Each structure stands twice: as C-alpha cells, then as structure tokens.
C-alpha cells in the first residue's frame, strides 16, 4: 500500500510541475501590489556602494593578536615572579 501511495504522490508532483499556470508566491504578490501604487526608483545594475573604509591587512591583524597574547604571557609571568610564596 505504501508503494502505491508513493507512486500516486509522484504522479501528483509530476502533474503539478507540468501545470501551465503557477501561482506566484505571497511575497511576489505583495511586492507587485506595492509597486503598482508606488513604483521603485530606477537603480543601476551595480549601484555604487559609497565610500569604503580601508581595512587592515590580514598580517596586521595576525601580528596584533600574537602581540597581545605575548604581552599577556609576559605580564602573567611578571606577576607570578613578583608574588611572594
């Protein structure tokens, strides 16, 4: 019986995929209605994203992380050396 249900469901999916008219999604209908009343401004294909702040290079970030770790290790060693037993 399960094989027959799978075959029927597969048939239904094939039938649905072959449909000539497919209903648009709710979001597509919502945007179409909104744009009918208030069309969007035209935009170039690749709009200028505006000024970009320069990023540090990856080696600078790596040096900063290793430097911070080295300072913490030295600081912990110095505190332990100064602490009385």
C-alpha atoms as a PDB file:
ATOM      1  CA  UNK A   1       0.000   0.000   0.000  1.00  0.00           C
ATOM      2  CA  UNK A   2       2.880   2.396   0.784  1.00  0.00           C
ATOM      3  CA  UNK A   3       4.354   1.834  -2.679  1.00  0.00           C
ATOM      4  CA  UNK A   4       1.069   2.768  -4.271  1.00  0.00           C
ATOM      5  CA  UNK A   5       0.852   5.985  -2.209  1.00  0.00           C
ATOM      6  CA  UNK A   6       4.394   6.938  -3.241  1.00  0.00           C
ATOM      7  CA  UNK A   7       3.573   6.331  -6.878  1.00  0.00           C
ATOM      8  CA  UNK A   8       0.401   8.425  -6.626  1.00  0.00           C
ATOM      9  CA  UNK A   9       2.293  11.247  -4.900  1.00  0.00           C
ATOM     10  CA  UNK A  10       5.000  11.141  -7.572  1.00  0.00           C
ATOM     11  CA  UNK A  11       2.305  11.344 -10.231  1.00  0.00           C
ATOM     12  CA  UNK A  12       0.747  14.324  -8.466  1.00  0.00           C
ATOM     13  CA  UNK A  13       4.109  16.114  -8.304  1.00  0.00           C
ATOM     14  CA  UNK A  14       4.765  15.484 -11.986  1.00  0.00           C
ATOM     15  CA  UNK A  15       1.266  16.717 -12.783  1.00  0.00           C
ATOM     16  CA  UNK A  16       1.791  19.869 -10.693  1.00  0.00           C
ATOM     17  CA  UNK A  17       5.177  20.569 -12.278  1.00  0.00           C
ATOM     18  CA  UNK A  18       3.662  20.385 -15.751  1.00  0.00           C
ATOM     19  CA  UNK A  19       0.974  22.945 -14.909  1.00  0.00           C
ATOM     20  CA  UNK A  20       0.832  25.786 -17.425  1.00  0.00           C
ATOM     21  CA  UNK A  21      -0.006  28.438 -14.829  1.00  0.00           C
ATOM     22  CA  UNK A  22       1.726  28.553 -11.469  1.00  0.00           C
ATOM     23  CA  UNK A  23       0.512  30.883  -8.758  1.00  0.00           C
ATOM     24  CA  UNK A  24       3.087  33.406  -7.588  1.00  0.00           C
ATOM     25  CA  UNK A  25       4.265  33.450  -4.010  1.00  0.00           C
ATOM     26  CA  UNK A  26       2.669  35.689  -1.402  1.00  0.00           C
ATOM     27  CA  UNK A  27       5.762  37.908  -1.328  1.00  0.00           C
ATOM     28  CA  UNK A  28       5.696  38.325  -5.118  1.00  0.00           C
ATOM     29  CA  UNK A  29       2.009  39.288  -4.985  1.00  0.00           C
ATOM     30  CA  UNK A  30       2.672  41.745  -2.134  1.00  0.00           C
ATOM     31  CA  UNK A  31       5.557  43.421  -3.997  1.00  0.00           C
ATOM     32  CA  UNK A  32       3.564  43.604  -7.227  1.00  0.00           C
ATOM     33  CA  UNK A  33       0.688  45.326  -5.422  1.00  0.00           C
ATOM     34  CA  UNK A  34       3.041  47.735  -3.639  1.00  0.00           C
ATOM     35  CA  UNK A  35       4.896  48.599  -6.848  1.00  0.00           C
ATOM     36  CA  UNK A  36       1.649  49.232  -8.727  1.00  0.00           C
ATOM     37  CA  UNK A  37       0.825  52.011  -6.260  1.00  0.00           C
ATOM     38  CA  UNK A  38       4.373  53.270  -5.653  1.00  0.00           C
ATOM     39  CA  UNK A  39       6.941  52.080  -8.225  1.00  0.00           C
ATOM     40  CA  UNK A  40      10.547  51.826  -7.018  1.00  0.00           C
ATOM     41  CA  UNK A  41      13.215  54.276  -8.144  1.00  0.00           C
ATOM     42  CA  UNK A  42      15.356  53.066 -11.049  1.00  0.00           C
ATOM     43  CA  UNK A  43      18.723  51.723  -9.915  1.00  0.00           C
ATOM     44  CA  UNK A  44      21.830  50.975 -11.951  1.00  0.00           C
ATOM     45  CA  UNK A  45      22.744  47.317 -12.255  1.00  0.00           C
ATOM     46  CA  UNK A  46      25.631  47.645  -9.791  1.00  0.00           C
ATOM     47  CA  UNK A  47      24.926  50.665  -7.672  1.00  0.00           C
ATOM     48  CA  UNK A  48      27.875  52.484  -6.107  1.00  0.00           C
ATOM     49  CA  UNK A  49      28.087  51.230  -2.516  1.00  0.00           C
ATOM     50  CA  UNK A  50      29.561  54.539  -1.359  1.00  0.00           C
ATOM     51  CA  UNK A  51      32.867  55.223   0.334  1.00  0.00           C
ATOM     52  CA  UNK A  52      34.632  52.197   1.732  1.00  0.00           C
ATOM     53  CA  UNK A  53      36.845  52.469   4.762  1.00  0.00           C
ATOM     54  CA  UNK A  54      40.248  50.878   4.219  1.00  0.00           C
ATOM     55  CA  UNK A  55      40.693  47.593   6.045  1.00  0.00           C
ATOM     56  CA  UNK A  56      43.828  46.452   7.775  1.00  0.00           C
ATOM     57  CA  UNK A  57      45.667  43.704   6.031  1.00  0.00           C
ATOM     58  CA  UNK A  58      45.415  40.206   7.430  1.00  0.00           C
ATOM     59  CA  UNK A  59      49.054  40.152   8.564  1.00  0.00           C
ATOM     60  CA  UNK A  60      48.435  43.283  10.661  1.00  0.00           C
ATOM     61  CA  UNK A  61      45.527  41.579  12.405  1.00  0.00           C
ATOM     62  CA  UNK A  62      47.602  38.457  12.992  1.00  0.00           C
ATOM     63  CA  UNK A  63      50.501  40.481  14.399  1.00  0.00           C
ATOM     64  CA  UNK A  64      48.108  42.343  16.687  1.00  0.00           C
ATOM     65  CA  UNK A  65      46.665  39.067  18.064  1.00  0.00           C
ATOM     66  CA  UNK A  66      50.096  37.454  18.605  1.00  0.00           C
ATOM     67  CA  UNK A  67      51.427  40.655  20.159  1.00  0.00           C
ATOM     68  CA  UNK A  68      48.510  40.812  22.583  1.00  0.00           C
ATOM     69  CA  UNK A  69      48.999  37.159  23.563  1.00  0.00           C
ATOM     70  CA  UNK A  70      52.741  37.738  24.098  1.00  0.00           C
ATOM     71  CA  UNK A  71      52.053  40.772  26.312  1.00  0.00           C
ATOM     72  CA  UNK A  72      49.558  38.789  28.413  1.00  0.00           C
ATOM     73  CA  UNK A  73      52.038  35.910  28.837  1.00  0.00           C
ATOM     74  CA  UNK A  74      54.840  38.283  29.879  1.00  0.00           C
ATOM     75  CA  UNK A  75      52.514  40.151  32.250  1.00  0.00           C
ATOM     76  CA  UNK A  76      51.332  36.911  33.895  1.00  0.00           C
ATOM     77  CA  UNK A  77      54.946  35.727  34.273  1.00  0.00           C
ATOM     78  CA  UNK A  78      55.988  39.036  35.825  1.00  0.00           C
ATOM     79  CA  UNK A  79      53.056  38.958  38.297  1.00  0.00           C
ATOM     80  CA  UNK A  80      53.920  35.385  39.302  1.00  0.00           C
ATOM     81  CA  UNK A  81      57.613  36.266  39.693  1.00  0.00           C
ATOM     82  CA  UNK A  82      56.756  39.237  41.937  1.00  0.00           C
ATOM     83  CA  UNK A  83      54.211  37.350  44.082  1.00  0.00           C
ATOM     84  CA  UNK A  84      55.598  36.043  47.399  1.00  0.00           C
ATOM     85  CA  UNK A  85      55.274  32.311  48.038  1.00  0.00           C
END
